[in-house]
PDB file of N, CA and C in Angstrom:
ATOM      1  N   UNK A   1      -1.085  93.008 -15.689  1.00  0.00           N
ATOM      2  CA  UNK A   1      -0.314  92.493 -14.578  1.00  0.00           C
ATOM      3  C   UNK A   1       0.869  93.597 -14.360  1.00  0.00           C
ATOM      4  N   UNK A   2       0.839  94.022 -13.007  1.00  0.00           N
ATOM      5  CA  UNK A   2       1.858  94.957 -12.638  1.00  0.00           C
ATOM      6  C   UNK A   2       3.139  94.251 -11.877  1.00  0.00           C
ATOM      7  N   UNK A   3       4.251  94.686 -12.201  1.00  0.00           N
ATOM      8  CA  UNK A   3       5.334  94.032 -11.568  1.00  0.00           C
ATOM      9  C   UNK A   3       5.842  95.162 -10.636  1.00  0.00           C
ATOM     10  N   UNK A   4       6.119  94.852  -9.404  1.00  0.00           N
ATOM     11  CA  UNK A   4       6.587  95.743  -8.424  1.00  0.00           C
ATOM     12  C   UNK A   4       8.009  95.219  -7.881  1.00  0.00           C
ATOM     13  N   UNK A   5       8.806  96.197  -7.333  1.00  0.00           N
ATOM     14  CA  UNK A   5      10.134  95.902  -6.966  1.00  0.00           C
ATOM     15  C   UNK A   5       9.862  95.290  -5.527  1.00  0.00           C
ATOM     16  N   UNK A   6      10.799  94.268  -5.430  1.00  0.00           N
ATOM     17  CA  UNK A   6      10.920  93.340  -4.229  1.00  0.00           C
ATOM     18  C   UNK A   6      12.130  93.111  -3.882  1.00  0.00           C
ATOM     19  N   UNK A   7      12.753  93.678  -2.893  1.00  0.00           N
ATOM     20  CA  UNK A   7      14.149  93.658  -2.580  1.00  0.00           C
ATOM     21  C   UNK A   7      14.436  92.127  -1.785  1.00  0.00           C
ATOM     22  N   UNK A   8      13.482  91.523  -1.430  1.00  0.00           N
ATOM     23  CA  UNK A   8      13.678  90.180  -0.883  1.00  0.00           C
ATOM     24  C   UNK A   8      14.002  89.154  -1.881  1.00  0.00           C
ATOM     25  N   UNK A   9      13.627  89.357  -3.219  1.00  0.00           N
ATOM     26  CA  UNK A   9      13.950  88.452  -4.291  1.00  0.00           C
ATOM     27  C   UNK A   9      15.433  88.628  -4.512  1.00  0.00           C
ATOM     28  N   UNK A  10      15.897  89.852  -4.496  1.00  0.00           N
ATOM     29  CA  UNK A  10      17.318  90.138  -4.837  1.00  0.00           C
ATOM     30  C   UNK A  10      18.070  89.570  -3.713  1.00  0.00           C
ATOM     31  N   UNK A  11      17.705  89.754  -2.410  1.00  0.00           N
ATOM     32  CA  UNK A  11      18.376  89.158  -1.349  1.00  0.00           C
ATOM     33  C   UNK A  11      18.446  87.669  -1.253  1.00  0.00           C
ATOM     34  N   UNK A  12      17.445  87.048  -1.778  1.00  0.00           N
ATOM     35  CA  UNK A  12      17.436  85.500  -1.856  1.00  0.00           C
ATOM     36  C   UNK A  12      18.455  85.119  -2.920  1.00  0.00           C
ATOM     37  N   UNK A  13      18.369  85.934  -4.117  1.00  0.00           N
ATOM     38  CA  UNK A  13      19.409  85.535  -5.094  1.00  0.00           C
ATOM     39  C   UNK A  13      20.752  85.708  -4.581  1.00  0.00           C
ATOM     40  N   UNK A  14      21.178  86.753  -3.830  1.00  0.00           N
ATOM     41  CA  UNK A  14      22.497  86.931  -3.229  1.00  0.00           C
ATOM     42  C   UNK A  14      22.849  85.690  -2.239  1.00  0.00           C
ATOM     43  N   UNK A  15      21.809  85.228  -1.416  1.00  0.00           N
ATOM     44  CA  UNK A  15      21.949  84.160  -0.538  1.00  0.00           C
ATOM     45  C   UNK A  15      22.411  82.918  -1.308  1.00  0.00           C
ATOM     46  N   UNK A  16      21.576  82.718  -2.428  1.00  0.00           N
ATOM     47  CA  UNK A  16      22.025  81.425  -3.303  1.00  0.00           C
ATOM     48  C   UNK A  16      23.364  81.577  -3.849  1.00  0.00           C
ATOM     49  N   UNK A  17      23.757  82.675  -4.275  1.00  0.00           N
ATOM     50  CA  UNK A  17      25.166  82.816  -4.802  1.00  0.00           C
ATOM     51  C   UNK A  17      26.125  82.491  -3.706  1.00  0.00           C
ATOM     52  N   UNK A  18      25.818  82.842  -2.428  1.00  0.00           N
ATOM     53  CA  UNK A  18      26.881  82.491  -1.401  1.00  0.00           C
ATOM     54  C   UNK A  18      26.845  80.988  -1.139  1.00  0.00           C
ATOM     55  N   UNK A  19      25.782  80.435  -1.243  1.00  0.00           N
ATOM     56  CA  UNK A  19      25.517  78.920  -1.067  1.00  0.00           C
ATOM     57  C   UNK A  19      26.470  78.177  -2.136  1.00  0.00           C
ATOM     58  N   UNK A  20      26.188  78.688  -3.450  1.00  0.00           N
ATOM     59  CA  UNK A  20      26.958  78.232  -4.498  1.00  0.00           C
ATOM     60  C   UNK A  20      28.471  78.388  -4.357  1.00  0.00           C
ATOM     61  N   UNK A  21      28.713  79.545  -3.867  1.00  0.00           N
ATOM     62  CA  UNK A  21      30.222  79.894  -3.663  1.00  0.00           C
ATOM     63  C   UNK A  21      30.869  78.814  -2.717  1.00  0.00           C
ATOM     64  N   UNK A  22      30.107  78.434  -1.604  1.00  0.00           N
ATOM     65  CA  UNK A  22      30.660  77.578  -0.632  1.00  0.00           C
ATOM     66  C   UNK A  22      30.708  76.111  -1.153  1.00  0.00           C
ATOM     67  N   UNK A  23      30.110  75.768  -2.213  1.00  0.00           N
ATOM     68  CA  UNK A  23      30.073  74.477  -2.635  1.00  0.00           C
ATOM     69  C   UNK A  23      31.172  74.323  -3.865  1.00  0.00           C
ATOM     70  N   UNK A  24      31.294  75.587  -4.540  1.00  0.00           N
ATOM     71  CA  UNK A  24      32.153  75.347  -5.707  1.00  0.00           C
ATOM     72  C   UNK A  24      33.550  74.999  -5.627  1.00  0.00           C
ATOM     73  N   UNK A  25      34.110  75.445  -4.419  1.00  0.00           N
ATOM     74  CA  UNK A  25      35.447  75.112  -4.103  1.00  0.00           C
ATOM     75  C   UNK A  25      35.631  73.547  -4.022  1.00  0.00           C
ATOM     76  N   UNK A  26      34.829  73.029  -3.302  1.00  0.00           N
ATOM     77  CA  UNK A  26      34.833  71.658  -3.089  1.00  0.00           C
ATOM     78  C   UNK A  26      34.751  70.775  -4.303  1.00  0.00           C
ATOM     79  N   UNK A  27      33.629  71.158  -5.156  1.00  0.00           N
ATOM     80  CA  UNK A  27      33.329  70.580  -6.390  1.00  0.00           C
ATOM     81  C   UNK A  27      34.561  70.595  -7.372  1.00  0.00           C
ATOM     82  N   UNK A  28      35.148  71.832  -7.483  1.00  0.00           N
ATOM     83  CA  UNK A  28      36.253  71.924  -8.444  1.00  0.00           C
ATOM     84  C   UNK A  28      37.363  71.232  -7.872  1.00  0.00           C
ATOM     85  N   UNK A  29      37.676  71.032  -6.728  1.00  0.00           N
ATOM     86  CA  UNK A  29      38.793  70.375  -6.099  1.00  0.00           C
ATOM     87  C   UNK A  29      38.595  68.824  -6.425  1.00  0.00           C
ATOM     88  N   UNK A  30      37.449  68.400  -6.127  1.00  0.00           N
ATOM     89  CA  UNK A  30      37.161  66.981  -6.456  1.00  0.00           C
ATOM     90  C   UNK A  30      37.314  66.742  -7.862  1.00  0.00           C
ATOM     91  N   UNK A  31      36.731  67.572  -8.620  1.00  0.00           N
ATOM     92  CA  UNK A  31      36.687  67.120 -10.174  1.00  0.00           C
ATOM     93  C   UNK A  31      38.183  67.300 -10.643  1.00  0.00           C
ATOM     94  N   UNK A  32      38.891  68.280 -10.357  1.00  0.00           N
ATOM     95  CA  UNK A  32      40.432  68.387 -10.625  1.00  0.00           C
ATOM     96  C   UNK A  32      41.168  67.178 -10.172  1.00  0.00           C
ATOM     97  N   UNK A  33      40.973  66.591  -8.916  1.00  0.00           N
ATOM     98  CA  UNK A  33      41.569  65.512  -8.332  1.00  0.00           C
ATOM     99  C   UNK A  33      41.229  64.188  -9.290  1.00  0.00           C
ATOM    100  N   UNK A  34      39.951  64.034  -9.621  1.00  0.00           N
ATOM    101  CA  UNK A  34      39.446  62.992 -10.421  1.00  0.00           C
ATOM    102  C   UNK A  34      40.177  63.018 -11.745  1.00  0.00           C
ATOM    103  N   UNK A  35      40.047  64.192 -12.412  1.00  0.00           N
ATOM    104  CA  UNK A  35      40.599  64.330 -13.783  1.00  0.00           C
ATOM    105  C   UNK A  35      42.078  63.965 -13.619  1.00  0.00           C
ATOM    106  N   UNK A  36      42.723  64.567 -12.600  1.00  0.00           N
ATOM    107  CA  UNK A  36      44.270  64.276 -12.493  1.00  0.00           C
ATOM    108  C   UNK A  36      44.634  62.875 -12.215  1.00  0.00           C
ATOM    109  N   UNK A  37      43.836  62.060 -11.527  1.00  0.00           N
ATOM    110  CA  UNK A  37      44.057  60.712 -11.303  1.00  0.00           C
ATOM    111  C   UNK A  37      43.828  59.965 -12.675  1.00  0.00           C
ATOM    112  N   UNK A  38      42.722  60.216 -13.252  1.00  0.00           N
ATOM    113  CA  UNK A  38      42.597  59.605 -14.598  1.00  0.00           C
ATOM    114  C   UNK A  38      43.745  59.965 -15.614  1.00  0.00           C
ATOM    115  N   UNK A  39      44.149  61.073 -15.714  1.00  0.00           N
ATOM    116  CA  UNK A  39      45.269  61.623 -16.475  1.00  0.00           C
ATOM    117  C   UNK A  39      46.509  60.833 -16.045  1.00  0.00           C
ATOM    118  N   UNK A  40      46.699  60.675 -14.751  1.00  0.00           N
ATOM    119  CA  UNK A  40      47.864  59.906 -14.102  1.00  0.00           C
ATOM    120  C   UNK A  40      47.974  58.442 -14.632  1.00  0.00           C
ATOM    121  N   UNK A  41      46.803  58.007 -14.639  1.00  0.00           N
ATOM    122  CA  UNK A  41      46.663  56.487 -14.902  1.00  0.00           C
ATOM    123  C   UNK A  41      47.084  56.435 -16.384  1.00  0.00           C
ATOM    124  N   UNK A  42      46.565  57.221 -17.302  1.00  0.00           N
ATOM    125  CA  UNK A  42      46.921  57.203 -18.613  1.00  0.00           C
ATOM    126  C   UNK A  42      48.237  57.265 -18.950  1.00  0.00           C
ATOM    127  N   UNK A  43      48.933  58.223 -18.382  1.00  0.00           N
ATOM    128  CA  UNK A  43      50.341  58.443 -18.541  1.00  0.00           C
ATOM    129  C   UNK A  43      51.263  57.414 -17.865  1.00  0.00           C
ATOM    130  N   UNK A  44      50.723  56.989 -16.568  1.00  0.00           N
ATOM    131  CA  UNK A  44      51.520  55.943 -15.927  1.00  0.00           C
ATOM    132  C   UNK A  44      51.677  54.545 -16.672  1.00  0.00           C
ATOM    133  N   UNK A  45      50.393  54.306 -17.148  1.00  0.00           N
ATOM    134  CA  UNK A  45      50.340  52.951 -17.924  1.00  0.00           C
ATOM    135  C   UNK A  45      51.255  52.991 -19.137  1.00  0.00           C
ATOM    136  N   UNK A  46      51.168  54.019 -19.978  1.00  0.00           N
ATOM    137  CA  UNK A  46      51.999  54.156 -21.172  1.00  0.00           C
ATOM    138  C   UNK A  46      53.482  54.409 -20.914  1.00  0.00           C
ATOM    139  N   UNK A  47      53.912  54.836 -19.855  1.00  0.00           N
ATOM    140  CA  UNK A  47      55.318  55.062 -19.451  1.00  0.00           C
ATOM    141  C   UNK A  47      55.929  54.106 -18.597  1.00  0.00           C
ATOM    142  N   UNK A  48      55.327  53.654 -17.650  1.00  0.00           N
ATOM    143  CA  UNK A  48      56.108  53.010 -16.609  1.00  0.00           C
ATOM    144  C   UNK A  48      55.775  51.431 -16.493  1.00  0.00           C
ATOM    145  N   UNK A  49      56.790  50.700 -16.069  1.00  0.00           N
ATOM    146  CA  UNK A  49      56.520  49.296 -15.863  1.00  0.00           C
ATOM    147  C   UNK A  49      56.452  48.896 -14.388  1.00  0.00           C
ATOM    148  N   UNK A  50      57.131  49.720 -13.589  1.00  0.00           N
ATOM    149  CA  UNK A  50      57.124  49.301 -12.054  1.00  0.00           C
ATOM    150  C   UNK A  50      55.846  49.872 -11.495  1.00  0.00           C
ATOM    151  N   UNK A  51      55.322  48.938 -10.688  1.00  0.00           N
ATOM    152  CA  UNK A  51      54.099  49.481  -9.838  1.00  0.00           C
ATOM    153  C   UNK A  51      54.238  50.663  -9.018  1.00  0.00           C
ATOM    154  N   UNK A  52      55.310  50.768  -8.326  1.00  0.00           N
ATOM    155  CA  UNK A  52      55.600  51.956  -7.513  1.00  0.00           C
ATOM    156  C   UNK A  52      55.702  53.218  -8.214  1.00  0.00           C
ATOM    157  N   UNK A  53      56.376  53.106  -9.385  1.00  0.00           N
ATOM    158  CA  UNK A  53      56.342  54.299 -10.168  1.00  0.00           C
ATOM    159  C   UNK A  53      54.935  54.622 -10.740  1.00  0.00           C
ATOM    160  N   UNK A  54      54.250  53.726 -11.173  1.00  0.00           N
ATOM    161  CA  UNK A  54      52.914  53.861 -11.643  1.00  0.00           C
ATOM    162  C   UNK A  54      52.128  54.600 -10.515  1.00  0.00           C
ATOM    163  N   UNK A  55      51.982  53.971  -9.493  1.00  0.00           N
ATOM    164  CA  UNK A  55      51.310  54.670  -8.315  1.00  0.00           C
ATOM    165  C   UNK A  55      51.848  56.079  -8.081  1.00  0.00           C
ATOM    166  N   UNK A  56      53.226  56.393  -8.011  1.00  0.00           N
ATOM    167  CA  UNK A  56      53.634  57.714  -7.740  1.00  0.00           C
ATOM    168  C   UNK A  56      53.184  58.583  -8.817  1.00  0.00           C
ATOM    169  N   UNK A  57      53.208  58.339 -10.052  1.00  0.00           N
ATOM    170  CA  UNK A  57      52.734  59.237 -11.135  1.00  0.00           C
ATOM    171  C   UNK A  57      51.335  59.473 -11.000  1.00  0.00           C
ATOM    172  N   UNK A  58      50.491  58.479 -10.707  1.00  0.00           N
ATOM    173  CA  UNK A  58      49.113  58.672 -10.539  1.00  0.00           C
ATOM    174  C   UNK A  58      48.647  59.503  -9.464  1.00  0.00           C
ATOM    175  N   UNK A  59      49.450  59.218  -8.249  1.00  0.00           N
ATOM    176  CA  UNK A  59      49.285  60.132  -7.072  1.00  0.00           C
ATOM    177  C   UNK A  59      49.733  61.699  -7.215  1.00  0.00           C
ATOM    178  N   UNK A  60      50.795  61.769  -7.842  1.00  0.00           N
ATOM    179  CA  UNK A  60      51.361  63.167  -8.075  1.00  0.00           C
ATOM    180  C   UNK A  60      50.412  63.995  -8.975  1.00  0.00           C
ATOM    181  N   UNK A  61      50.022  63.320 -10.018  1.00  0.00           N
ATOM    182  CA  UNK A  61      49.235  64.184 -10.983  1.00  0.00           C
ATOM    183  C   UNK A  61      47.860  64.266 -10.332  1.00  0.00           C
ATOM    184  N   UNK A  62      47.309  63.359  -9.627  1.00  0.00           N
ATOM    185  CA  UNK A  62      46.073  63.476  -9.048  1.00  0.00           C
ATOM    186  C   UNK A  62      46.145  64.599  -7.969  1.00  0.00           C
ATOM    187  N   UNK A  63      47.163  64.840  -7.253  1.00  0.00           N
ATOM    188  CA  UNK A  63      47.373  66.002  -6.222  1.00  0.00           C
ATOM    189  C   UNK A  63      47.433  67.309  -7.090  1.00  0.00           C
ATOM    190  N   UNK A  64      48.271  67.251  -8.005  1.00  0.00           N
ATOM    191  CA  UNK A  64      48.315  68.592  -9.011  1.00  0.00           C
ATOM    192  C   UNK A  64      46.968  68.915  -9.385  1.00  0.00           C
ATOM    193  N   UNK A  65      46.219  67.893  -9.967  1.00  0.00           N
ATOM    194  CA  UNK A  65      44.917  68.221 -10.539  1.00  0.00           C
ATOM    195  C   UNK A  65      43.805  68.754  -9.274  1.00  0.00           C
ATOM    196  N   UNK A  66      43.980  68.253  -8.239  1.00  0.00           N
ATOM    197  CA  UNK A  66      43.329  68.612  -7.059  1.00  0.00           C
ATOM    198  C   UNK A  66      43.682  70.137  -6.682  1.00  0.00           C
ATOM    199  N   UNK A  67      44.871  70.434  -6.666  1.00  0.00           N
ATOM    200  CA  UNK A  67      45.490  71.770  -6.248  1.00  0.00           C
ATOM    201  C   UNK A  67      44.867  72.804  -7.386  1.00  0.00           C
ATOM    202  N   UNK A  68      45.033  72.348  -8.712  1.00  0.00           N
ATOM    203  CA  UNK A  68      44.412  73.314  -9.726  1.00  0.00           C
ATOM    204  C   UNK A  68      43.080  73.539  -9.657  1.00  0.00           C
ATOM    205  N   UNK A  69      42.338  72.333  -9.418  1.00  0.00           N
ATOM    206  CA  UNK A  69      40.775  72.504  -9.133  1.00  0.00           C
ATOM    207  C   UNK A  69      40.495  73.451  -8.074  1.00  0.00           C
ATOM    208  N   UNK A  70      41.155  73.384  -6.887  1.00  0.00           N
ATOM    209  CA  UNK A  70      40.874  74.230  -5.849  1.00  0.00           C
ATOM    210  C   UNK A  70      41.250  75.578  -6.180  1.00  0.00           C
ATOM    211  N   UNK A  71      42.269  75.884  -6.900  1.00  0.00           N
ATOM    212  CA  UNK A  71      42.661  77.282  -7.243  1.00  0.00           C
ATOM    213  C   UNK A  71      41.495  77.770  -8.142  1.00  0.00           C
ATOM    214  N   UNK A  72      41.103  77.050  -9.166  1.00  0.00           N
ATOM    215  CA  UNK A  72      39.878  77.535  -9.958  1.00  0.00           C
ATOM    216  C   UNK A  72      38.673  77.717  -9.218  1.00  0.00           C
ATOM    217  N   UNK A  73      38.470  76.719  -8.276  1.00  0.00           N
ATOM    218  CA  UNK A  73      37.246  76.892  -7.520  1.00  0.00           C
ATOM    219  C   UNK A  73      37.189  78.202  -6.627  1.00  0.00           C
ATOM    220  N   UNK A  74      38.338  78.414  -5.913  1.00  0.00           N
ATOM    221  CA  UNK A  74      38.591  79.624  -5.131  1.00  0.00           C
ATOM    222  C   UNK A  74      38.171  80.894  -5.991  1.00  0.00           C
ATOM    223  N   UNK A  75      38.779  80.930  -7.224  1.00  0.00           N
ATOM    224  CA  UNK A  75      38.566  82.054  -8.025  1.00  0.00           C
ATOM    225  C   UNK A  75      37.094  82.261  -8.386  1.00  0.00           C
ATOM    226  N   UNK A  76      36.448  81.113  -8.707  1.00  0.00           N
ATOM    227  CA  UNK A  76      34.951  81.170  -9.111  1.00  0.00           C
ATOM    228  C   UNK A  76      34.135  81.571  -7.897  1.00  0.00           C
ATOM    229  N   UNK A  77      34.447  80.985  -6.620  1.00  0.00           N
ATOM    230  CA  UNK A  77      33.796  81.348  -5.565  1.00  0.00           C
ATOM    231  C   UNK A  77      33.919  82.807  -5.225  1.00  0.00           C
ATOM    232  N   UNK A  78      35.125  83.458  -5.381  1.00  0.00           N
ATOM    233  CA  UNK A  78      35.244  84.806  -5.212  1.00  0.00           C
ATOM    234  C   UNK A  78      34.386  85.685  -6.212  1.00  0.00           C
ATOM    235  N   UNK A  79      34.296  85.333  -7.389  1.00  0.00           N
ATOM    236  CA  UNK A  79      33.621  86.073  -8.378  1.00  0.00           C
ATOM    237  C   UNK A  79      32.083  85.922  -7.946  1.00  0.00           C
ATOM    238  N   UNK A  80      31.692  84.743  -7.498  1.00  0.00           N
ATOM    239  CA  UNK A  80      30.233  84.659  -7.078  1.00  0.00           C
ATOM    240  C   UNK A  80      29.932  85.471  -5.886  1.00  0.00           C
ATOM    241  N   UNK A  81      30.834  85.523  -4.937  1.00  0.00           N
ATOM    242  CA  UNK A  81      30.582  86.371  -3.708  1.00  0.00           C
ATOM    243  C   UNK A  81      30.697  87.790  -4.037  1.00  0.00           C
ATOM    244  N   UNK A  82      31.561  88.178  -5.068  1.00  0.00           N
ATOM    245  CA  UNK A  82      31.601  89.476  -5.397  1.00  0.00           C
ATOM    246  C   UNK A  82      30.285  89.939  -6.115  1.00  0.00           C
ATOM    247  N   UNK A  83      29.764  89.144  -6.885  1.00  0.00           N
ATOM    248  CA  UNK A  83      28.448  89.376  -7.499  1.00  0.00           C
ATOM    249  C   UNK A  83      27.438  89.524  -6.479  1.00  0.00           C
ATOM    250  N   UNK A  84      27.425  88.688  -5.423  1.00  0.00           N
ATOM    251  CA  UNK A  84      26.291  88.891  -4.423  1.00  0.00           C
ATOM    252  C   UNK A  84      26.479  90.216  -3.750  1.00  0.00           C
ATOM    253  N   UNK A  85      27.650  90.596  -3.428  1.00  0.00           N
ATOM    254  CA  UNK A  85      27.796  91.793  -2.758  1.00  0.00           C
ATOM    255  C   UNK A  85      27.525  93.063  -3.593  1.00  0.00           C
ATOM    256  N   UNK A  86      27.721  92.946  -5.007  1.00  0.00           N
ATOM    257  CA  UNK A  86      27.360  93.986  -5.783  1.00  0.00           C
ATOM    258  C   UNK A  86      25.707  94.126  -5.734  1.00  0.00           C
ATOM    259  N   UNK A  87      25.073  92.947  -5.954  1.00  0.00           N
ATOM    260  CA  UNK A  87      23.658  93.004  -5.694  1.00  0.00           C
ATOM    261  C   UNK A  87      23.200  93.562  -4.421  1.00  0.00           C
ATOM    262  N   UNK A  88      23.661  93.056  -3.511  1.00  0.00           N
ATOM    263  CA  UNK A  88      23.316  93.527  -2.040  1.00  0.00           C
ATOM    264  C   UNK A  88      23.613  95.109  -2.045  1.00  0.00           C
ATOM    265  N   UNK A  89      24.689  95.593  -2.495  1.00  0.00           N
ATOM    266  CA  UNK A  89      25.137  96.942  -2.617  1.00  0.00           C
ATOM    267  C   UNK A  89      24.007  97.784  -3.134  1.00  0.00           C
ATOM    268  N   UNK A  90      23.389  97.306  -4.283  1.00  0.00           N
ATOM    269  CA  UNK A  90      22.635  97.975  -5.145  1.00  0.00           C
ATOM    270  C   UNK A  90      21.154  97.986  -4.327  1.00  0.00           C
ATOM    271  N   UNK A  91      20.853  96.947  -3.526  1.00  0.00           N
ATOM    272  CA  UNK A  91      19.564  96.901  -2.644  1.00  0.00           C
ATOM    273  C   UNK A  91      19.687  98.022  -1.729  1.00  0.00           C
ATOM    274  N   UNK A  92      20.863  98.111  -0.904  1.00  0.00           N
ATOM    275  CA  UNK A  92      21.180  99.061  -0.105  1.00  0.00           C
ATOM    276  C   UNK A  92      21.007 100.433  -0.574  1.00  0.00           C
ATOM    277  N   UNK A  93      21.636 100.752  -1.568  1.00  0.00           N
ATOM    278  CA  UNK A  93      21.613 102.102  -2.273  1.00  0.00           C
ATOM    279  C   UNK A  93      20.057 102.437  -2.605  1.00  0.00           C
ATOM    280  N   UNK A  94      19.244 101.492  -3.002  1.00  0.00           N
ATOM    281  CA  UNK A  94      17.977 101.676  -3.313  1.00  0.00           C
ATOM    282  C   UNK A  94      17.169 101.980  -1.874  1.00  0.00           C
ATOM    283  N   UNK A  95      17.521 101.304  -0.836  1.00  0.00           N
ATOM    284  CA  UNK A  95      16.913 101.547   0.383  1.00  0.00           C
ATOM    285  C   UNK A  95      17.376 102.960   0.863  1.00  0.00           C
ATOM    286  N   UNK A  96      18.546 103.315   0.938  1.00  0.00           N
ATOM    287  CA  UNK A  96      19.036 104.683   1.334  1.00  0.00           C
ATOM    288  C   UNK A  96      18.394 105.796   0.504  1.00  0.00           C
ATOM    289  N   UNK A  97      18.251 105.504  -0.886  1.00  0.00           N
ATOM    290  CA  UNK A  97      17.631 106.520  -1.681  1.00  0.00           C
ATOM    291  C   UNK A  97      16.151 106.739  -1.336  1.00  0.00           C
ATOM    292  N   UNK A  98      15.541 105.553  -1.010  1.00  0.00           N
ATOM    293  CA  UNK A  98      14.178 105.789  -0.787  1.00  0.00           C
ATOM    294  C   UNK A  98      13.890 106.383   0.597  1.00  0.00           C
ATOM    295  N   UNK A  99      14.866 106.352   1.560  1.00  0.00           N
ATOM    296  CA  UNK A  99      14.675 106.968   2.839  1.00  0.00           C
ATOM    297  C   UNK A  99      15.086 108.366   2.684  1.00  0.00           C
ATOM    298  N   UNK A 100      15.826 108.754   1.924  1.00  0.00           N
ATOM    299  CA  UNK A 100      16.399 110.077   1.675  1.00  0.00           C
ATOM    300  C   UNK A 100      15.433 111.105   0.958  1.00  0.00           C
ATOM    301  N   UNK A 101      14.490 110.412   0.246  1.00  0.00           N
ATOM    302  CA  UNK A 101      13.398 111.341  -0.434  1.00  0.00           C
ATOM    303  C   UNK A 101      12.080 111.265   0.484  1.00  0.00           C
ATOM    304  N   UNK A 102      12.013 112.406   1.103  1.00  0.00           N
ATOM    305  CA  UNK A 102      10.851 112.568   2.099  1.00  0.00           C
ATOM    306  C   UNK A 102      10.060 113.839   1.710  1.00  0.00           C
TER     307      UNK A 102
END
């Protein structure tokens, strides 16, 4: 069985990376917020007696968790997009090299 170069496979891979990059920011933000709310519940229950203070702590730590998740998700999305661009650049180099050799 011979295996031949097919640039369409690499382009599909790059497209999948872009799709994943568009989803990762949302997912990391959501997971960060959920983790923050859970951590906030644990901290608030152990420290505070007043309901308003408990809710404030839960909300504040949840927002901080969501912000951290968004930051990490944005960084991860950037790396995925960069990887897609590198792959697409390699495909373009191959196309240009193939056309140059006549």
